[in-house]
Amino acid sequence: MTDTSSTPDTRTPAQIEADIKRRRETLAETLDEIGVRVHPKTIVGDAKAKVVSNIDHTLGRAYVGVNRTVSQVKGQFVTQEGAPRLERIVPVALVVVGVAGLLTLGSRRRKR
């Protein structure tokens, strides 16, 4: 843009027409871009993409958390060499069998 108040415009009519044409094209591109951005399909598509991204991020964090927990639990029952730690497995197995037995007895008593 030239400041017409301080210096006279020395452009030729062809230059002025070319400048006007260029500005019209730029304005048309800007208006087209605005039209695409505010179109309902674009807004819905952007919203869907954001939701999918958030779900992927949440699922990724959940996977990492579950994987970490499984590794920690596994570390309690398996040595670093991969051998089972019987001193920890046997008591847990006995507790599980005992709880299962109590639940079975309790359900049999309710049926009577």
N, C-alpha and C. Protein backbone atom coordinates (compact mmCIF):
# COMPACT_ATOMS: atom_id res chain seq x y z
N MET A 1 0.85 -1.18 0.00
CA MET A 1 0.00 0.00 0.00
C MET A 1 0.89 1.24 0.00
N THR A 2 0.46 2.20 -0.71
CA THR A 2 1.20 3.46 -0.72
C THR A 2 0.38 4.51 0.01
N ASP A 3 1.08 5.42 0.64
CA ASP A 3 0.42 6.50 1.38
C ASP A 3 0.17 7.63 0.40
N THR A 4 -1.10 7.84 -0.02
CA THR A 4 -1.42 8.84 -1.05
C THR A 4 -1.44 10.25 -0.52
N SER A 5 -1.44 10.43 0.79
CA SER A 5 -1.52 11.78 1.34
C SER A 5 -0.18 12.51 1.28
N SER A 6 0.94 11.79 1.28
CA SER A 6 2.23 12.47 1.33
C SER A 6 2.97 12.46 0.00
N THR A 7 2.74 11.46 -0.85
CA THR A 7 3.42 11.41 -2.14
C THR A 7 2.42 11.14 -3.23
N PRO A 8 2.62 11.71 -4.39
CA PRO A 8 1.70 11.44 -5.49
C PRO A 8 1.89 10.02 -6.00
N ASP A 9 0.81 9.41 -6.48
CA ASP A 9 0.86 8.05 -7.00
C ASP A 9 1.47 8.09 -8.40
N THR A 10 2.60 7.44 -8.55
CA THR A 10 3.31 7.48 -9.84
C THR A 10 3.10 6.19 -10.63
N ARG A 11 2.17 5.36 -10.20
CA ARG A 11 1.92 4.11 -10.92
C ARG A 11 1.10 4.39 -12.18
N THR A 12 1.32 3.54 -13.14
CA THR A 12 0.54 3.66 -14.38
C THR A 12 -0.82 3.02 -14.18
N PRO A 13 -1.78 3.34 -15.01
CA PRO A 13 -3.10 2.69 -14.89
C PRO A 13 -3.00 1.17 -14.97
N ALA A 14 -2.09 0.63 -15.77
CA ALA A 14 -1.93 -0.82 -15.87
C ALA A 14 -1.43 -1.40 -14.55
N GLN A 15 -0.50 -0.68 -13.89
CA GLN A 15 0.01 -1.14 -12.61
C GLN A 15 -1.09 -1.11 -11.54
N ILE A 16 -1.89 -0.07 -11.59
CA ILE A 16 -3.00 0.04 -10.63
C ILE A 16 -4.00 -1.10 -10.85
N GLU A 17 -4.32 -1.38 -12.12
CA GLU A 17 -5.24 -2.47 -12.42
C GLU A 17 -4.67 -3.82 -11.98
N ALA A 18 -3.37 -4.01 -12.19
CA ALA A 18 -2.73 -5.26 -11.77
C ALA A 18 -2.77 -5.39 -10.25
N ASP A 19 -2.54 -4.27 -9.55
CA ASP A 19 -2.59 -4.28 -8.09
C ASP A 19 -4.00 -4.61 -7.59
N ILE A 20 -5.00 -4.02 -8.22
CA ILE A 20 -6.40 -4.28 -7.85
C ILE A 20 -6.73 -5.76 -8.10
N LYS A 21 -6.28 -6.29 -9.25
CA LYS A 21 -6.55 -7.69 -9.58
C LYS A 21 -5.90 -8.62 -8.56
N ARG A 22 -4.65 -8.31 -8.20
CA ARG A 22 -3.92 -9.13 -7.22
C ARG A 22 -4.63 -9.10 -5.87
N ARG A 23 -5.08 -7.93 -5.46
CA ARG A 23 -5.77 -7.81 -4.17
C ARG A 23 -7.12 -8.53 -4.18
N ARG A 24 -7.82 -8.49 -5.32
CA ARG A 24 -9.09 -9.22 -5.44
C ARG A 24 -8.85 -10.73 -5.31
N GLU A 25 -7.79 -11.21 -5.96
CA GLU A 25 -7.48 -12.64 -5.88
C GLU A 25 -7.13 -13.04 -4.45
N THR A 26 -6.35 -12.21 -3.78
CA THR A 26 -5.99 -12.49 -2.39
C THR A 26 -7.24 -12.48 -1.51
N LEU A 27 -8.10 -11.52 -1.71
CA LEU A 27 -9.34 -11.44 -0.94
C LEU A 27 -10.23 -12.64 -1.21
N ALA A 28 -10.31 -13.07 -2.49
CA ALA A 28 -11.12 -14.24 -2.84
C ALA A 28 -10.58 -15.50 -2.16
N GLU A 29 -9.26 -15.66 -2.14
CA GLU A 29 -8.65 -16.81 -1.46
C GLU A 29 -8.96 -16.78 0.03
N THR A 30 -8.86 -15.59 0.63
CA THR A 30 -9.14 -15.45 2.06
C THR A 30 -10.60 -15.80 2.35
N LEU A 31 -11.50 -15.30 1.53
CA LEU A 31 -12.92 -15.60 1.73
C LEU A 31 -13.22 -17.08 1.54
N ASP A 32 -12.57 -17.71 0.56
CA ASP A 32 -12.75 -19.15 0.36
C ASP A 32 -12.26 -19.93 1.59
N GLU A 33 -11.11 -19.52 2.11
CA GLU A 33 -10.56 -20.20 3.29
C GLU A 33 -11.50 -20.03 4.49
N ILE A 34 -12.03 -18.84 4.68
CA ILE A 34 -12.98 -18.59 5.78
C ILE A 34 -14.22 -19.46 5.58
N GLY A 35 -14.70 -19.54 4.34
CA GLY A 35 -15.87 -20.36 4.04
C GLY A 35 -15.65 -21.82 4.39
N VAL A 36 -14.47 -22.33 4.08
CA VAL A 36 -14.15 -23.72 4.41
C VAL A 36 -14.07 -23.90 5.92
N ARG A 37 -13.45 -22.97 6.61
CA ARG A 37 -13.28 -23.09 8.06
C ARG A 37 -14.61 -23.07 8.82
N VAL A 38 -15.58 -22.28 8.35
CA VAL A 38 -16.85 -22.16 9.07
C VAL A 38 -17.91 -23.10 8.53
N HIS A 39 -17.58 -23.90 7.53
CA HIS A 39 -18.55 -24.86 6.99
C HIS A 39 -18.84 -25.91 8.05
N PRO A 40 -20.11 -26.27 8.22
CA PRO A 40 -20.47 -27.25 9.26
C PRO A 40 -19.71 -28.57 9.17
N LYS A 41 -19.47 -29.06 7.96
CA LYS A 41 -18.73 -30.33 7.81
C LYS A 41 -17.31 -30.18 8.34
N THR A 42 -16.70 -29.04 8.09
CA THR A 42 -15.34 -28.82 8.59
C THR A 42 -15.33 -28.74 10.11
N ILE A 43 -16.30 -28.05 10.67
CA ILE A 43 -16.37 -27.92 12.13
C ILE A 43 -16.58 -29.28 12.77
N VAL A 44 -17.50 -30.09 12.20
CA VAL A 44 -17.75 -31.43 12.73
C VAL A 44 -16.51 -32.30 12.58
N GLY A 45 -15.87 -32.22 11.43
CA GLY A 45 -14.66 -33.01 11.20
C GLY A 45 -13.55 -32.65 12.17
N ASP A 46 -13.37 -31.35 12.42
CA ASP A 46 -12.36 -30.91 13.39
C ASP A 46 -12.69 -31.40 14.79
N ALA A 47 -13.98 -31.35 15.15
CA ALA A 47 -14.40 -31.81 16.48
C ALA A 47 -14.16 -33.31 16.63
N LYS A 48 -14.50 -34.07 15.58
CA LYS A 48 -14.26 -35.52 15.61
C LYS A 48 -12.78 -35.82 15.76
N ALA A 49 -11.97 -35.13 14.99
CA ALA A 49 -10.52 -35.36 15.05
C ALA A 49 -9.98 -35.06 16.45
N LYS A 50 -10.49 -34.00 17.07
CA LYS A 50 -10.03 -33.65 18.41
C LYS A 50 -10.45 -34.71 19.43
N VAL A 51 -11.68 -35.21 19.30
CA VAL A 51 -12.16 -36.26 20.22
C VAL A 51 -11.33 -37.52 20.04
N VAL A 52 -11.09 -37.92 18.80
CA VAL A 52 -10.30 -39.12 18.54
C VAL A 52 -8.89 -38.96 19.10
N SER A 53 -8.32 -37.79 18.92
CA SER A 53 -6.99 -37.53 19.45
C SER A 53 -6.97 -37.65 20.97
N ASN A 54 -7.98 -37.08 21.63
CA ASN A 54 -8.05 -37.16 23.09
C ASN A 54 -8.25 -38.60 23.56
N ILE A 55 -9.08 -39.36 22.83
CA ILE A 55 -9.29 -40.77 23.19
C ILE A 55 -8.01 -41.55 23.02
N ASP A 56 -7.32 -41.34 21.90
CA ASP A 56 -6.05 -42.03 21.67
C ASP A 56 -5.05 -41.70 22.77
N HIS A 57 -4.99 -40.44 23.16
CA HIS A 57 -4.06 -40.02 24.21
C HIS A 57 -4.43 -40.69 25.54
N THR A 58 -5.73 -40.71 25.86
CA THR A 58 -6.19 -41.32 27.10
C THR A 58 -5.92 -42.82 27.10
N LEU A 59 -6.22 -43.48 25.98
CA LEU A 59 -5.98 -44.92 25.89
C LEU A 59 -4.48 -45.23 25.99
N GLY A 60 -3.68 -44.40 25.39
CA GLY A 60 -2.23 -44.60 25.47
C GLY A 60 -1.73 -44.48 26.90
N ARG A 61 -2.24 -43.49 27.61
CA ARG A 61 -1.84 -43.33 29.02
C ARG A 61 -2.34 -44.51 29.85
N ALA A 62 -3.56 -44.97 29.58
CA ALA A 62 -4.11 -46.12 30.31
C ALA A 62 -3.27 -47.36 30.03
N TYR A 63 -2.89 -47.57 28.78
CA TYR A 63 -2.07 -48.73 28.43
C TYR A 63 -0.74 -48.69 29.18
N VAL A 64 -0.12 -47.54 29.21
CA VAL A 64 1.16 -47.41 29.91
C VAL A 64 0.98 -47.71 31.40
N GLY A 65 -0.10 -47.20 31.98
CA GLY A 65 -0.35 -47.44 33.41
C GLY A 65 -0.60 -48.91 33.70
N VAL A 66 -1.42 -49.55 32.87
CA VAL A 66 -1.70 -50.98 33.07
C VAL A 66 -0.44 -51.80 32.86
N ASN A 67 0.32 -51.48 31.84
CA ASN A 67 1.55 -52.21 31.56
C ASN A 67 2.53 -52.08 32.73
N ARG A 68 2.63 -50.89 33.29
CA ARG A 68 3.51 -50.67 34.44
C ARG A 68 3.05 -51.50 35.63
N THR A 69 1.74 -51.52 35.89
CA THR A 69 1.21 -52.28 37.02
C THR A 69 1.43 -53.78 36.83
N VAL A 70 1.18 -54.28 35.62
CA VAL A 70 1.40 -55.70 35.34
C VAL A 70 2.87 -56.05 35.54
N SER A 71 3.77 -55.19 35.09
CA SER A 71 5.20 -55.44 35.27
C SER A 71 5.58 -55.47 36.74
N GLN A 72 4.98 -54.56 37.53
CA GLN A 72 5.27 -54.54 38.96
C GLN A 72 4.76 -55.81 39.64
N VAL A 73 3.55 -56.23 39.30
CA VAL A 73 2.99 -57.45 39.90
C VAL A 73 3.82 -58.65 39.47
N LYS A 74 4.17 -58.71 38.20
CA LYS A 74 4.99 -59.82 37.71
C LYS A 74 6.32 -59.85 38.45
N GLY A 75 6.88 -58.69 38.71
CA GLY A 75 8.14 -58.62 39.43
C GLY A 75 8.05 -59.18 40.84
N GLN A 76 6.86 -59.18 41.42
CA GLN A 76 6.67 -59.73 42.76
C GLN A 76 6.66 -61.26 42.74
N PHE A 77 6.32 -61.87 41.62
CA PHE A 77 6.16 -63.32 41.55
C PHE A 77 7.18 -64.03 40.67
N VAL A 78 8.04 -63.27 39.98
CA VAL A 78 9.05 -63.85 39.11
C VAL A 78 10.37 -63.13 39.35
N THR A 79 11.45 -63.90 39.42
CA THR A 79 12.77 -63.29 39.60
C THR A 79 13.20 -62.63 38.29
N GLN A 80 14.31 -61.89 38.35
CA GLN A 80 14.81 -61.22 37.15
C GLN A 80 15.24 -62.23 36.08
N GLU A 81 15.59 -63.43 36.51
CA GLU A 81 15.98 -64.48 35.56
C GLU A 81 14.77 -65.17 34.96
N GLY A 82 13.58 -64.91 35.49
CA GLY A 82 12.36 -65.52 34.96
C GLY A 82 11.86 -66.70 35.76
N ALA A 83 12.56 -67.06 36.83
CA ALA A 83 12.14 -68.20 37.66
C ALA A 83 11.03 -67.76 38.61
N PRO A 84 10.03 -68.63 38.82
CA PRO A 84 8.94 -68.28 39.74
C PRO A 84 9.43 -68.18 41.19
N ARG A 85 8.86 -67.25 41.94
CA ARG A 85 9.18 -67.10 43.36
C ARG A 85 8.13 -67.87 44.16
N LEU A 86 8.43 -69.12 44.43
CA LEU A 86 7.46 -69.98 45.10
C LEU A 86 7.10 -69.48 46.49
N GLU A 87 8.04 -68.82 47.16
CA GLU A 87 7.75 -68.31 48.51
C GLU A 87 6.67 -67.24 48.50
N ARG A 88 6.40 -66.65 47.32
CA ARG A 88 5.32 -65.67 47.21
C ARG A 88 4.10 -66.25 46.50
N ILE A 89 4.33 -67.17 45.58
CA ILE A 89 3.22 -67.72 44.81
C ILE A 89 2.35 -68.63 45.67
N VAL A 90 2.96 -69.49 46.46
CA VAL A 90 2.21 -70.47 47.26
C VAL A 90 1.24 -69.79 48.23
N PRO A 91 1.69 -68.80 49.03
CA PRO A 91 0.72 -68.17 49.94
C PRO A 91 -0.45 -67.49 49.21
N VAL A 92 -0.16 -66.85 48.08
CA VAL A 92 -1.23 -66.18 47.33
C VAL A 92 -2.19 -67.23 46.76
N ALA A 93 -1.65 -68.33 46.25
CA ALA A 93 -2.50 -69.40 45.71
C ALA A 93 -3.39 -69.97 46.82
N LEU A 94 -2.85 -70.17 48.01
CA LEU A 94 -3.64 -70.69 49.12
C LEU A 94 -4.77 -69.71 49.50
N VAL A 95 -4.47 -68.44 49.50
CA VAL A 95 -5.50 -67.44 49.82
C VAL A 95 -6.60 -67.47 48.75
N VAL A 96 -6.21 -67.54 47.48
CA VAL A 96 -7.19 -67.58 46.39
C VAL A 96 -8.07 -68.83 46.52
N VAL A 97 -7.47 -69.98 46.77
CA VAL A 97 -8.24 -71.22 46.93
C VAL A 97 -9.16 -71.10 48.14
N GLY A 98 -8.69 -70.54 49.23
CA GLY A 98 -9.52 -70.37 50.42
C GLY A 98 -10.71 -69.46 50.17
N VAL A 99 -10.48 -68.32 49.50
CA VAL A 99 -11.58 -67.39 49.20
C VAL A 99 -12.58 -68.05 48.25
N ALA A 100 -12.09 -68.78 47.25
CA ALA A 100 -12.99 -69.47 46.32
C ALA A 100 -13.81 -70.51 47.07
N GLY A 101 -13.18 -71.22 47.99
CA GLY A 101 -13.92 -72.21 48.79
C GLY A 101 -14.98 -71.56 49.64
N LEU A 102 -14.67 -70.45 50.27
CA LEU A 102 -15.67 -69.75 51.09
C LEU A 102 -16.83 -69.24 50.24
N LEU A 103 -16.52 -68.71 49.07
CA LEU A 103 -17.58 -68.24 48.17
C LEU A 103 -18.47 -69.39 47.72
N THR A 104 -17.86 -70.54 47.44
CA THR A 104 -18.65 -71.71 47.03
C THR A 104 -19.56 -72.17 48.16
N LEU A 105 -19.02 -72.26 49.38
CA LEU A 105 -19.84 -72.66 50.52
C LEU A 105 -20.96 -71.66 50.77
N GLY A 106 -20.67 -70.40 50.65
CA GLY A 106 -21.68 -69.36 50.87
C GLY A 106 -22.80 -69.44 49.84
N SER A 107 -22.45 -69.70 48.59
CA SER A 107 -23.49 -69.79 47.55
C SER A 107 -24.32 -71.06 47.72
N ARG A 108 -23.73 -72.15 48.21
CA ARG A 108 -24.48 -73.40 48.45
C ARG A 108 -25.47 -73.22 49.60
N ARG A 109 -25.06 -72.49 50.62
CA ARG A 109 -25.93 -72.28 51.77
C ARG A 109 -27.14 -71.41 51.38
N ARG A 110 -26.92 -70.44 50.50
CA ARG A 110 -28.03 -69.57 50.08
C ARG A 110 -29.04 -70.34 49.24
N LYS A 111 -28.60 -71.32 48.48
CA LYS A 111 -29.50 -72.09 47.63
C LYS A 111 -30.43 -72.96 48.44
N ARG A 112 -30.02 -73.37 49.61
CA ARG A 112 -30.85 -74.27 50.44
C ARG A 112 -31.97 -73.56 51.05
